[in-house]
Full PDB file with SEQRES, HELIX, SHEET, SSBOND, CRYST1, ORIGX, SCALE, CONECT and MASTER records, all heavy atoms in Angstrom:
SEQRES   1 A   40  VAL LEU GLN LYS ARG THR GLN ALA SER ALA PRO TYR ILE          
SEQRES   2 A   40  TYR ALA GLY ILE GLU ILE PHE LYS PRO SER LEU ALA HIS          
SEQRES   3 A   40  GLY PHE GLU GLU LYS LYS PHE SER ARG ASN VAL ILE TRP          
SEQRES   4 A   40  ASP                                                          
HELIX    1 AA1 PRO A   22  ALA A   25  5                                   4    
HELIX    2 AA2 ASN A   36  TRP A   39  1                                   4    
CRYST1    1.000    1.000    1.000  90.00  90.00  90.00 P 1           1          
ORIGX1      1.000000  0.000000  0.000000        0.00000                         
ORIGX2      0.000000  1.000000  0.000000        0.00000                         
ORIGX3      0.000000  0.000000  1.000000        0.00000                         
SCALE1      1.000000  0.000000  0.000000        0.00000                         
SCALE2      0.000000  1.000000  0.000000        0.00000                         
SCALE3      0.000000  0.000000  1.000000        0.00000                         
ATOM      1  N   VAL A   1      92.363 151.298 137.235  1.00  0.00           N  
ATOM      2  CA  VAL A   1      91.708 151.136 135.941  1.00  0.00           C  
ATOM      3  C   VAL A   1      90.203 151.044 136.147  1.00  0.00           C  
ATOM      4  O   VAL A   1      89.720 150.325 137.023  1.00  0.00           O  
ATOM      5  CB  VAL A   1      92.227 149.873 135.228  1.00  0.00           C  
ATOM      6  CG1 VAL A   1      91.489 149.657 133.911  1.00  0.00           C  
ATOM      7  CG2 VAL A   1      93.726 149.975 134.981  1.00  0.00           C  
ATOM      8  N   LEU A   2      89.454 151.767 135.317  1.00  0.00           N  
ATOM      9  CA  LEU A   2      88.008 151.826 135.464  1.00  0.00           C  
ATOM     10  C   LEU A   2      87.295 150.763 134.653  1.00  0.00           C  
ATOM     11  O   LEU A   2      87.749 150.351 133.581  1.00  0.00           O  
ATOM     12  CB  LEU A   2      87.482 153.201 135.040  1.00  0.00           C  
ATOM     13  CG  LEU A   2      87.908 154.389 135.885  1.00  0.00           C  
ATOM     14  CD1 LEU A   2      87.168 155.643 135.434  1.00  0.00           C  
ATOM     15  CD2 LEU A   2      87.669 154.143 137.368  1.00  0.00           C  
ATOM     16  N   GLN A   3      86.139 150.351 135.182  1.00  0.00           N  
ATOM     17  CA  GLN A   3      85.232 149.455 134.486  1.00  0.00           C  
ATOM     18  C   GLN A   3      83.819 149.976 134.669  1.00  0.00           C  
ATOM     19  O   GLN A   3      83.442 150.388 135.769  1.00  0.00           O  
ATOM     20  CB  GLN A   3      85.339 148.027 135.035  1.00  0.00           C  
ATOM     21  CG  GLN A   3      84.444 147.024 134.333  1.00  0.00           C  
ATOM     22  CD  GLN A   3      84.545 145.632 134.940  1.00  0.00           C  
ATOM     23  OE1 GLN A   3      84.767 145.475 136.139  1.00  0.00           O  
ATOM     24  NE2 GLN A   3      84.385 144.612 134.114  1.00  0.00           N  
ATOM     25  N   LYS A   4      83.044 149.981 133.594  1.00  0.00           N  
ATOM     26  CA  LYS A   4      81.651 150.404 133.708  1.00  0.00           C  
ATOM     27  C   LYS A   4      80.892 149.486 134.659  1.00  0.00           C  
ATOM     28  O   LYS A   4      81.199 148.304 134.779  1.00  0.00           O  
ATOM     29  CB  LYS A   4      80.972 150.377 132.330  1.00  0.00           C  
ATOM     30  CG  LYS A   4      81.091 151.657 131.552  1.00  0.00           C  
ATOM     31  CD  LYS A   4      80.201 151.626 130.327  1.00  0.00           C  
ATOM     32  CE  LYS A   4      80.206 152.951 129.589  1.00  0.00           C  
ATOM     33  NZ  LYS A   4      79.326 152.930 128.405  1.00  0.00           N  
ATOM     34  N   ARG A   5      79.878 150.069 135.291  1.00  0.00           N  
ATOM     35  CA  ARG A   5      79.061 149.284 136.221  1.00  0.00           C  
ATOM     36  C   ARG A   5      78.458 148.077 135.519  1.00  0.00           C  
ATOM     37  O   ARG A   5      77.826 148.205 134.477  1.00  0.00           O  
ATOM     38  CB  ARG A   5      77.939 150.168 136.782  1.00  0.00           C  
ATOM     39  CG  ARG A   5      76.969 149.434 137.690  1.00  0.00           C  
ATOM     40  CD  ARG A   5      76.045 150.394 138.421  1.00  0.00           C  
ATOM     41  NE  ARG A   5      75.292 151.232 137.521  1.00  0.00           N  
ATOM     42  CZ  ARG A   5      74.121 150.903 136.975  1.00  0.00           C  
ATOM     43  NH1 ARG A   5      73.586 149.715 137.234  1.00  0.00           N  
ATOM     44  NH2 ARG A   5      73.504 151.744 136.184  1.00  0.00           N  
ATOM     45  N   THR A   6      78.673 146.907 136.079  1.00  0.00           N  
ATOM     46  CA  THR A   6      78.131 145.663 135.529  1.00  0.00           C  
ATOM     47  C   THR A   6      77.142 145.005 136.479  1.00  0.00           C  
ATOM     48  O   THR A   6      76.449 144.068 136.098  1.00  0.00           O  
ATOM     49  CB  THR A   6      79.260 144.664 135.218  1.00  0.00           C  
ATOM     50  OG1 THR A   6      80.008 144.419 136.409  1.00  0.00           O  
ATOM     51  CG2 THR A   6      80.185 145.211 134.135  1.00  0.00           C  
ATOM     52  N   GLN A   7      77.072 145.500 137.709  1.00  0.00           N  
ATOM     53  CA  GLN A   7      76.154 144.949 138.699  1.00  0.00           C  
ATOM     54  C   GLN A   7      75.093 145.992 139.038  1.00  0.00           C  
ATOM     55  O   GLN A   7      74.983 147.016 138.376  1.00  0.00           O  
ATOM     56  CB  GLN A   7      76.939 144.498 139.934  1.00  0.00           C  
ATOM     57  CG  GLN A   7      77.984 143.422 139.613  1.00  0.00           C  
ATOM     58  CD  GLN A   7      78.754 142.991 140.841  1.00  0.00           C  
ATOM     59  OE1 GLN A   7      78.615 143.561 141.923  1.00  0.00           O  
ATOM     60  NE2 GLN A   7      79.591 141.968 140.680  1.00  0.00           N  
ATOM     61  N   ALA A   8      74.328 145.715 140.083  1.00  0.00           N  
ATOM     62  CA  ALA A   8      73.227 146.617 140.430  1.00  0.00           C  
ATOM     63  C   ALA A   8      73.724 148.001 140.828  1.00  0.00           C  
ATOM     64  O   ALA A   8      73.024 148.996 140.626  1.00  0.00           O  
ATOM     65  CB  ALA A   8      72.398 146.008 141.562  1.00  0.00           C  
ATOM     66  N   SER A   9      74.922 148.073 141.379  1.00  0.00           N  
ATOM     67  CA  SER A   9      75.456 149.360 141.797  1.00  0.00           C  
ATOM     68  C   SER A   9      76.970 149.364 141.638  1.00  0.00           C  
ATOM     69  O   SER A   9      77.600 148.318 141.500  1.00  0.00           O  
ATOM     70  CB  SER A   9      75.090 149.655 143.255  1.00  0.00           C  
ATOM     71  OG  SER A   9      75.665 148.697 144.116  1.00  0.00           O  
ATOM     72  N   ALA A  10      77.522 150.565 141.631  1.00  0.00           N  
ATOM     73  CA  ALA A  10      78.966 150.760 141.569  1.00  0.00           C  
ATOM     74  C   ALA A  10      79.315 151.918 142.499  1.00  0.00           C  
ATOM     75  O   ALA A  10      78.492 152.801 142.743  1.00  0.00           O  
ATOM     76  CB  ALA A  10      79.413 151.060 140.138  1.00  0.00           C  
ATOM     77  N   PRO A  11      80.540 151.942 143.027  1.00  0.00           N  
ATOM     78  CA  PRO A  11      80.848 152.913 144.086  1.00  0.00           C  
ATOM     79  C   PRO A  11      81.152 154.323 143.617  1.00  0.00           C  
ATOM     80  O   PRO A  11      81.131 155.249 144.438  1.00  0.00           O  
ATOM     81  CB  PRO A  11      82.083 152.307 144.763  1.00  0.00           C  
ATOM     82  CG  PRO A  11      82.723 151.464 143.712  1.00  0.00           C  
ATOM     83  CD  PRO A  11      81.599 150.928 142.865  1.00  0.00           C  
ATOM     84  N   TYR A  12      81.404 154.524 142.321  1.00  0.00           N  
ATOM     85  CA  TYR A  12      81.918 155.821 141.896  1.00  0.00           C  
ATOM     86  C   TYR A  12      81.075 156.444 140.781  1.00  0.00           C  
ATOM     87  O   TYR A  12      80.546 155.752 139.926  1.00  0.00           O  
ATOM     88  CB  TYR A  12      83.369 155.705 141.425  1.00  0.00           C  
ATOM     89  CG  TYR A  12      84.285 155.132 142.467  1.00  0.00           C  
ATOM     90  CD1 TYR A  12      84.924 153.901 142.268  1.00  0.00           C  
ATOM     91  CD2 TYR A  12      84.501 155.790 143.674  1.00  0.00           C  
ATOM     92  CE1 TYR A  12      85.760 153.367 143.234  1.00  0.00           C  
ATOM     93  CE2 TYR A  12      85.329 155.260 144.653  1.00  0.00           C  
ATOM     94  CZ  TYR A  12      85.950 154.046 144.423  1.00  0.00           C  
ATOM     95  OH  TYR A  12      86.770 153.508 145.389  1.00  0.00           O  
ATOM     96  N   ILE A  13      81.027 157.774 140.806  1.00  0.00           N  
ATOM     97  CA  ILE A  13      80.321 158.588 139.826  1.00  0.00           C  
ATOM     98  C   ILE A  13      81.350 159.400 139.053  1.00  0.00           C  
ATOM     99  O   ILE A  13      82.305 159.926 139.636  1.00  0.00           O  
ATOM    100  CB  ILE A  13      79.359 159.577 140.523  1.00  0.00           C  
ATOM    101  CG1 ILE A  13      78.396 158.865 141.465  1.00  0.00           C  
ATOM    102  CG2 ILE A  13      78.601 160.428 139.502  1.00  0.00           C  
ATOM    103  CD1 ILE A  13      77.756 159.804 142.477  1.00  0.00           C  
ATOM    104  N   TYR A  14      81.152 159.523 137.745  1.00  0.00           N  
ATOM    105  CA  TYR A  14      81.961 160.474 136.979  1.00  0.00           C  
ATOM    106  C   TYR A  14      81.620 161.875 137.451  1.00  0.00           C  
ATOM    107  O   TYR A  14      80.471 162.309 137.397  1.00  0.00           O  
ATOM    108  CB  TYR A  14      81.693 160.328 135.480  1.00  0.00           C  
ATOM    109  CG  TYR A  14      82.443 161.332 134.637  1.00  0.00           C  
ATOM    110  CD1 TYR A  14      83.837 161.335 134.616  1.00  0.00           C  
ATOM    111  CD2 TYR A  14      81.777 162.301 133.888  1.00  0.00           C  
ATOM    112  CE1 TYR A  14      84.541 162.266 133.859  1.00  0.00           C  
ATOM    113  CE2 TYR A  14      82.471 163.221 133.120  1.00  0.00           C  
ATOM    114  CZ  TYR A  14      83.852 163.197 133.111  1.00  0.00           C  
ATOM    115  OH  TYR A  14      84.544 164.122 132.371  1.00  0.00           O  
ATOM    116  N   ALA A  15      82.627 162.605 137.918  1.00  0.00           N  
ATOM    117  CA  ALA A  15      82.397 163.889 138.587  1.00  0.00           C  
ATOM    118  C   ALA A  15      82.456 165.086 137.650  1.00  0.00           C  
ATOM    119  O   ALA A  15      82.473 166.232 138.110  1.00  0.00           O  
ATOM    120  CB  ALA A  15      83.400 164.068 139.726  1.00  0.00           C  
ATOM    121  N   GLY A  16      82.507 164.852 136.335  1.00  0.00           N  
ATOM    122  CA  GLY A  16      82.354 165.950 135.392  1.00  0.00           C  
ATOM    123  C   GLY A  16      83.636 166.583 134.898  1.00  0.00           C  
ATOM    124  O   GLY A  16      83.587 167.579 134.169  1.00  0.00           O  
ATOM    125  N   ILE A  17      84.796 166.037 135.271  1.00  0.00           N  
ATOM    126  CA  ILE A  17      86.078 166.544 134.791  1.00  0.00           C  
ATOM    127  C   ILE A  17      86.978 165.364 134.454  1.00  0.00           C  
ATOM    128  O   ILE A  17      87.008 164.373 135.188  1.00  0.00           O  
ATOM    129  CB  ILE A  17      86.767 167.448 135.835  1.00  0.00           C  
ATOM    130  CG1 ILE A  17      85.930 168.705 136.094  1.00  0.00           C  
ATOM    131  CG2 ILE A  17      88.171 167.842 135.382  1.00  0.00           C  
ATOM    132  CD1 ILE A  17      86.533 169.650 137.107  1.00  0.00           C  
ATOM    133  N   GLU A  18      87.694 165.476 133.359  1.00  0.00           N  
ATOM    134  CA  GLU A  18      88.673 164.455 133.010  1.00  0.00           C  
ATOM    135  C   GLU A  18      89.885 165.090 132.355  1.00  0.00           C  
ATOM    136  O   GLU A  18      89.825 166.213 131.847  1.00  0.00           O  
ATOM    137  CB  GLU A  18      88.073 163.416 132.056  1.00  0.00           C  
ATOM    138  CG  GLU A  18      87.730 163.941 130.675  1.00  0.00           C  
ATOM    139  CD  GLU A  18      87.701 162.842 129.618  1.00  0.00           C  
ATOM    140  OE1 GLU A  18      88.636 162.008 129.595  1.00  0.00           O  
ATOM    141  OE2 GLU A  18      86.751 162.836 128.822  1.00  0.00           O  
ATOM    142  N   ILE A  19      90.994 164.356 132.380  1.00  0.00           N  
ATOM    143  CA  ILE A  19      92.161 164.677 131.572  1.00  0.00           C  
ATOM    144  C   ILE A  19      92.082 163.806 130.327  1.00  0.00           C  
ATOM    145  O   ILE A  19      91.850 162.597 130.411  1.00  0.00           O  
ATOM    146  CB  ILE A  19      93.464 164.431 132.336  1.00  0.00           C  
ATOM    147  CG1 ILE A  19      93.496 165.283 133.607  1.00  0.00           C  
ATOM    148  CG2 ILE A  19      94.672 164.752 131.457  1.00  0.00           C  
ATOM    149  CD1 ILE A  19      94.701 165.021 134.500  1.00  0.00           C  
ATOM    150  N   PHE A  20      92.292 164.420 129.165  1.00  0.00           N  
ATOM    151  CA  PHE A  20      91.977 163.790 127.882  1.00  0.00           C  
ATOM    152  C   PHE A  20      93.075 164.088 126.875  1.00  0.00           C  
ATOM    153  O   PHE A  20      93.558 165.223 126.789  1.00  0.00           O  
ATOM    154  CB  PHE A  20      90.639 164.359 127.379  1.00  0.00           C  
ATOM    155  CG  PHE A  20      90.147 163.833 126.066  1.00  0.00           C  
ATOM    156  CD1 PHE A  20      89.479 162.626 125.996  1.00  0.00           C  
ATOM    157  CD2 PHE A  20      90.342 164.566 124.898  1.00  0.00           C  
ATOM    158  CE1 PHE A  20      88.999 162.148 124.779  1.00  0.00           C  
ATOM    159  CE2 PHE A  20      89.875 164.095 123.685  1.00  0.00           C  
ATOM    160  CZ  PHE A  20      89.194 162.879 123.621  1.00  0.00           C  
ATOM    161  N   LYS A  21      93.476 163.079 126.125  1.00  0.00           N  
ATOM    162  CA  LYS A  21      94.408 163.273 125.019  1.00  0.00           C  
ATOM    163  C   LYS A  21      93.607 163.570 123.752  1.00  0.00           C  
ATOM    164  O   LYS A  21      92.842 162.728 123.279  1.00  0.00           O  
ATOM    165  CB  LYS A  21      95.251 162.012 124.808  1.00  0.00           C  
ATOM    166  CG  LYS A  21      96.206 161.689 125.946  1.00  0.00           C  
ATOM    167  CD  LYS A  21      96.962 160.390 125.676  1.00  0.00           C  
ATOM    168  CE  LYS A  21      97.960 160.087 126.775  1.00  0.00           C  
ATOM    169  NZ  LYS A  21      98.645 158.776 126.562  1.00  0.00           N  
ATOM    170  N   PRO A  22      93.743 164.764 123.168  1.00  0.00           N  
ATOM    171  CA  PRO A  22      92.951 165.109 121.984  1.00  0.00           C  
ATOM    172  C   PRO A  22      93.088 164.121 120.835  1.00  0.00           C  
ATOM    173  O   PRO A  22      92.142 163.951 120.044  1.00  0.00           O  
ATOM    174  CB  PRO A  22      93.498 166.490 121.606  1.00  0.00           C  
ATOM    175  CG  PRO A  22      93.956 167.082 122.901  1.00  0.00           C  
ATOM    176  CD  PRO A  22      94.540 165.925 123.648  1.00  0.00           C  
ATOM    177  N   SER A  23      94.199 163.448 120.736  1.00  0.00           N  
ATOM    178  CA  SER A  23      94.382 162.485 119.647  1.00  0.00           C  
ATOM    179  C   SER A  23      93.339 161.378 119.675  1.00  0.00           C  
ATOM    180  O   SER A  23      93.060 160.745 118.646  1.00  0.00           O  
ATOM    181  CB  SER A  23      95.783 161.874 119.716  1.00  0.00           C  
ATOM    182  OG  SER A  23      95.982 161.189 120.947  1.00  0.00           O  
ATOM    183  N   LEU A  24      92.722 161.135 120.831  1.00  0.00           N  
ATOM    184  CA  LEU A  24      91.695 160.095 120.938  1.00  0.00           C  
ATOM    185  C   LEU A  24      90.471 160.423 120.094  1.00  0.00           C  
ATOM    186  O   LEU A  24      89.704 159.524 119.724  1.00  0.00           O  
ATOM    187  CB  LEU A  24      91.277 159.914 122.400  1.00  0.00           C  
ATOM    188  CG  LEU A  24      92.363 159.435 123.365  1.00  0.00           C  
ATOM    189  CD1 LEU A  24      91.872 159.524 124.800  1.00  0.00           C  
ATOM    190  CD2 LEU A  24      92.790 158.009 123.035  1.00  0.00           C  
ATOM    191  N   ALA A  25      90.265 161.699 119.795  1.00  0.00           N  
ATOM    192  CA  ALA A  25      89.101 162.107 119.000  1.00  0.00           C  
ATOM    193  C   ALA A  25      89.405 162.186 117.510  1.00  0.00           C  
ATOM    194  O   ALA A  25      88.499 162.429 116.710  1.00  0.00           O  
ATOM    195  CB  ALA A  25      88.574 163.455 119.496  1.00  0.00           C  
ATOM    196  N   HIS A  26      90.657 161.994 117.140  1.00  0.00           N  
ATOM    197  CA  HIS A  26      90.997 162.004 115.715  1.00  0.00           C  
ATOM    198  C   HIS A  26      90.332 160.817 115.021  1.00  0.00           C  
ATOM    199  O   HIS A  26      90.244 159.722 115.570  1.00  0.00           O  
ATOM    200  CB  HIS A  26      92.511 161.930 115.525  1.00  0.00           C  
ATOM    201  CG  HIS A  26      93.229 163.142 115.987  1.00  0.00           C  
ATOM    202  ND1 HIS A  26      94.603 163.204 116.093  1.00  0.00           N  
ATOM    203  CD2 HIS A  26      92.784 164.365 116.368  1.00  0.00           C  
ATOM    204  CE1 HIS A  26      94.960 164.398 116.523  1.00  0.00           C  
ATOM    205  NE2 HIS A  26      93.874 165.118 116.706  1.00  0.00           N  
ATOM    206  N   GLY A  27      89.862 161.024 113.821  1.00  0.00           N  
ATOM    207  CA  GLY A  27      89.203 159.970 113.072  1.00  0.00           C  
ATOM    208  C   GLY A  27      87.701 159.921 113.250  1.00  0.00           C  
ATOM    209  O   GLY A  27      87.010 159.224 112.494  1.00  0.00           O  
ATOM    210  N   PHE A  28      87.177 160.648 114.232  1.00  0.00           N  
ATOM    211  CA  PHE A  28      85.729 160.734 114.417  1.00  0.00           C  
ATOM    212  C   PHE A  28      85.178 161.893 113.581  1.00  0.00           C  
ATOM    213  O   PHE A  28      85.833 162.929 113.435  1.00  0.00           O  
ATOM    214  CB  PHE A  28      85.367 160.950 115.888  1.00  0.00           C  
ATOM    215  CG  PHE A  28      85.552 159.734 116.749  1.00  0.00           C  
ATOM    216  CD1 PHE A  28      86.756 159.504 117.406  1.00  0.00           C  
ATOM    217  CD2 PHE A  28      84.533 158.810 116.890  1.00  0.00           C  
ATOM    218  CE1 PHE A  28      86.930 158.390 118.202  1.00  0.00           C  
ATOM    219  CE2 PHE A  28      84.695 157.683 117.684  1.00  0.00           C  
ATOM    220  CZ  PHE A  28      85.902 157.474 118.348  1.00  0.00           C  
ATOM    221  N   GLU A  29      83.980 161.708 113.047  1.00  0.00           N  
ATOM    222  CA  GLU A  29      83.363 162.753 112.251  1.00  0.00           C  
ATOM    223  C   GLU A  29      82.800 163.860 113.136  1.00  0.00           C  
ATOM    224  O   GLU A  29      82.412 163.620 114.280  1.00  0.00           O  
ATOM    225  CB  GLU A  29      82.224 162.168 111.396  1.00  0.00           C  
ATOM    226  CG  GLU A  29      82.664 161.183 110.347  1.00  0.00           C  
ATOM    227  CD  GLU A  29      81.494 160.689 109.523  1.00  0.00           C  
ATOM    228  OE1 GLU A  29      80.588 161.503 109.229  1.00  0.00           O  
ATOM    229  OE2 GLU A  29      81.467 159.494 109.189  1.00  0.00           O  
ATOM    230  N   GLU A  30      82.750 165.058 112.567  1.00  0.00           N  
ATOM    231  CA  GLU A  30      82.135 166.182 113.257  1.00  0.00           C  
ATOM    232  C   GLU A  30      80.623 166.083 113.085  1.00  0.00           C  
ATOM    233  O   GLU A  30      80.027 166.657 112.179  1.00  0.00           O  
ATOM    234  CB  GLU A  30      82.657 167.506 112.696  1.00  0.00           C  
ATOM    235  CG  GLU A  30      82.175 168.731 113.470  1.00  0.00           C  
ATOM    236  CD  GLU A  30      82.696 170.013 112.885  1.00  0.00           C  
ATOM    237  OE1 GLU A  30      83.935 170.141 112.755  1.00  0.00           O  
ATOM    238  OE2 GLU A  30      81.859 170.878 112.523  1.00  0.00           O  
ATOM    239  N   LYS A  31      79.993 165.342 113.972  1.00  0.00           N  
ATOM    240  CA  LYS A  31      78.554 165.132 113.944  1.00  0.00           C  
ATOM    241  C   LYS A  31      78.084 164.877 115.373  1.00  0.00           C  
ATOM    242  O   LYS A  31      78.904 164.744 116.300  1.00  0.00           O  
ATOM    243  CB  LYS A  31      78.188 163.951 113.052  1.00  0.00           C  
ATOM    244  CG  LYS A  31      78.730 162.611 113.536  1.00  0.00           C  
ATOM    245  CD  LYS A  31      78.310 161.482 112.608  1.00  0.00           C  
ATOM    246  CE  LYS A  31      78.787 160.135 113.148  1.00  0.00           C  
ATOM    247  NZ  LYS A  31      78.385 159.009 112.249  1.00  0.00           N  
ATOM    248  N   LYS A  32      76.785 164.806 115.572  1.00  0.00           N  
ATOM    249  CA  LYS A  32      76.246 164.564 116.902  1.00  0.00           C  
ATOM    250  C   LYS A  32      76.610 163.160 117.389  1.00  0.00           C  
ATOM    251  O   LYS A  32      76.265 162.163 116.749  1.00  0.00           O  
ATOM    252  CB  LYS A  32      74.723 164.696 116.893  1.00  0.00           C  
ATOM    253  CG  LYS A  32      74.202 166.105 116.720  1.00  0.00           C  
ATOM    254  CD  LYS A  32      72.677 166.106 116.831  1.00  0.00           C  
ATOM    255  CE  LYS A  32      72.104 167.502 116.675  1.00  0.00           C  
ATOM    256  NZ  LYS A  32      70.636 167.524 116.843  1.00  0.00           N  
ATOM    257  N   PHE A  33      77.318 163.090 118.498  1.00  0.00           N  
ATOM    258  CA  PHE A  33      77.513 161.802 119.167  1.00  0.00           C  
ATOM    259  C   PHE A  33      78.041 162.063 120.573  1.00  0.00           C  
ATOM    260  O   PHE A  33      78.599 163.112 120.875  1.00  0.00           O  
ATOM    261  CB  PHE A  33      78.446 160.873 118.377  1.00  0.00           C  
ATOM    262  CG  PHE A  33      79.905 161.220 118.412  1.00  0.00           C  
ATOM    263  CD1 PHE A  33      80.766 160.614 119.332  1.00  0.00           C  
ATOM    264  CD2 PHE A  33      80.457 162.128 117.516  1.00  0.00           C  
ATOM    265  CE1 PHE A  33      82.121 160.909 119.360  1.00  0.00           C  
ATOM    266  CE2 PHE A  33      81.808 162.434 117.526  1.00  0.00           C  
ATOM    267  CZ  PHE A  33      82.644 161.820 118.455  1.00  0.00           C  
ATOM    268  N   SER A  34      77.852 161.083 121.431  1.00  0.00           N  
ATOM    269  CA  SER A  34      78.254 161.190 122.824  1.00  0.00           C  
ATOM    270  C   SER A  34      79.722 160.819 122.998  1.00  0.00           C  
ATOM    271  O   SER A  34      80.250 159.945 122.304  1.00  0.00           O  
ATOM    272  CB  SER A  34      77.392 160.266 123.691  1.00  0.00           C  
ATOM    273  OG  SER A  34      77.927 160.157 124.997  1.00  0.00           O  
ATOM    274  N   ARG A  35      80.379 161.457 123.955  1.00  0.00           N  
ATOM    275  CA  ARG A  35      81.755 161.092 124.267  1.00  0.00           C  
ATOM    276  C   ARG A  35      81.854 159.681 124.823  1.00  0.00           C  
ATOM    277  O   ARG A  35      82.945 159.105 124.887  1.00  0.00           O  
ATOM    278  CB  ARG A  35      82.340 162.103 125.265  1.00  0.00           C  
ATOM    279  CG  ARG A  35      83.834 162.286 125.113  1.00  0.00           C  
ATOM    280  CD  ARG A  35      84.315 163.646 125.565  1.00  0.00           C  
ATOM    281  NE  ARG A  35      84.523 163.747 126.989  1.00  0.00           N  
ATOM    282  CZ  ARG A  35      83.815 164.504 127.810  1.00  0.00           C  
ATOM    283  NH1 ARG A  35      82.824 165.242 127.347  1.00  0.00           N  
ATOM    284  NH2 ARG A  35      84.079 164.557 129.092  1.00  0.00           N  
ATOM    285  N   ASN A  36      80.726 159.087 125.185  1.00  0.00           N  
ATOM    286  CA  ASN A  36      80.724 157.690 125.618  1.00  0.00           C  
ATOM    287  C   ASN A  36      81.282 156.768 124.542  1.00  0.00           C  
ATOM    288  O   ASN A  36      81.839 155.710 124.863  1.00  0.00           O  
ATOM    289  CB  ASN A  36      79.296 157.249 125.978  1.00  0.00           C  
ATOM    290  CG  ASN A  36      78.891 157.711 127.356  1.00  0.00           C  
ATOM    291  OD1 ASN A  36      79.501 157.354 128.361  1.00  0.00           O  
ATOM    292  ND2 ASN A  36      77.859 158.530 127.414  1.00  0.00           N  
ATOM    293  N   VAL A  37      81.126 157.149 123.270  1.00  0.00           N  
ATOM    294  CA  VAL A  37      81.663 156.337 122.179  1.00  0.00           C  
ATOM    295  C   VAL A  37      83.188 156.261 122.281  1.00  0.00           C  
ATOM    296  O   VAL A  37      83.789 155.189 122.091  1.00  0.00           O  
ATOM    297  CB  VAL A  37      81.236 156.912 120.813  1.00  0.00           C  
ATOM    298  CG1 VAL A  37      81.875 156.133 119.667  1.00  0.00           C  
ATOM    299  CG2 VAL A  37      79.715 156.899 120.677  1.00  0.00           C  
ATOM    300  N   ILE A  38      83.816 157.375 122.595  1.00  0.00           N  
ATOM    301  CA  ILE A  38      85.270 157.398 122.786  1.00  0.00           C  
ATOM    302  C   ILE A  38      85.638 156.669 124.066  1.00  0.00           C  
ATOM    303  O   ILE A  38      86.602 155.895 124.113  1.00  0.00           O  
ATOM    304  CB  ILE A  38      85.785 158.845 122.803  1.00  0.00           C  
ATOM    305  CG1 ILE A  38      85.433 159.562 121.490  1.00  0.00           C  
ATOM    306  CG2 ILE A  38      87.291 158.883 123.043  1.00  0.00           C  
ATOM    307  CD1 ILE A  38      85.781 161.043 121.480  1.00  0.00           C  
ATOM    308  N   TRP A  39      84.866 156.913 125.117  1.00  0.00           N  
ATOM    309  CA  TRP A  39      85.138 156.261 126.393  1.00  0.00           C  
ATOM    310  C   TRP A  39      85.091 154.743 126.272  1.00  0.00           C  
ATOM    311  O   TRP A  39      85.937 154.044 126.846  1.00  0.00           O  
ATOM    312  CB  TRP A  39      84.113 156.716 127.428  1.00  0.00           C  
ATOM    313  CG  TRP A  39      84.256 158.129 127.888  1.00  0.00           C  
ATOM    314  CD1 TRP A  39      85.215 159.022 127.508  1.00  0.00           C  
ATOM    315  CD2 TRP A  39      83.409 158.812 128.806  1.00  0.00           C  
ATOM    316  NE1 TRP A  39      85.017 160.227 128.129  1.00  0.00           N  
ATOM    317  CE2 TRP A  39      83.922 160.128 128.935  1.00  0.00           C  
ATOM    318  CE3 TRP A  39      82.285 158.451 129.531  1.00  0.00           C  
ATOM    319  CZ2 TRP A  39      83.331 161.078 129.772  1.00  0.00           C  
ATOM    320  CZ3 TRP A  39      81.691 159.388 130.362  1.00  0.00           C  
ATOM    321  CH2 TRP A  39      82.201 160.690 130.490  1.00  0.00           C  
ATOM    322  N   ASP A  40      84.108 154.223 125.553  1.00  0.00           N  
ATOM    323  CA  ASP A  40      83.968 152.768 125.448  1.00  0.00           C  
ATOM    324  C   ASP A  40      85.219 152.132 124.855  1.00  0.00           C  
ATOM    325  O   ASP A  40      85.617 151.029 125.264  1.00  0.00           O  
ATOM    326  CB  ASP A  40      82.741 152.414 124.602  1.00  0.00           C  
ATOM    327  CG  ASP A  40      81.434 152.647 125.346  1.00  0.00           C  
ATOM    328  OD1 ASP A  40      81.467 152.781 126.579  1.00  0.00           O  
ATOM    329  OD2 ASP A  40      80.375 152.693 124.684  1.00  0.00           O  
TER     330      ASP A  40                                                      
MASTER        0    0    0    2    0    0    0    6  329    1    0    4          
END                                                                             
């Protein structure tokens, strides 16, 4: 299970690929926003 960095450093970088359930984006408006909102 992942946790965002809370200290000065963390060992892992998001490498630019994920597996995602599209249902997680349901209910969000079609407007400018970062996927970080869903991630949080």
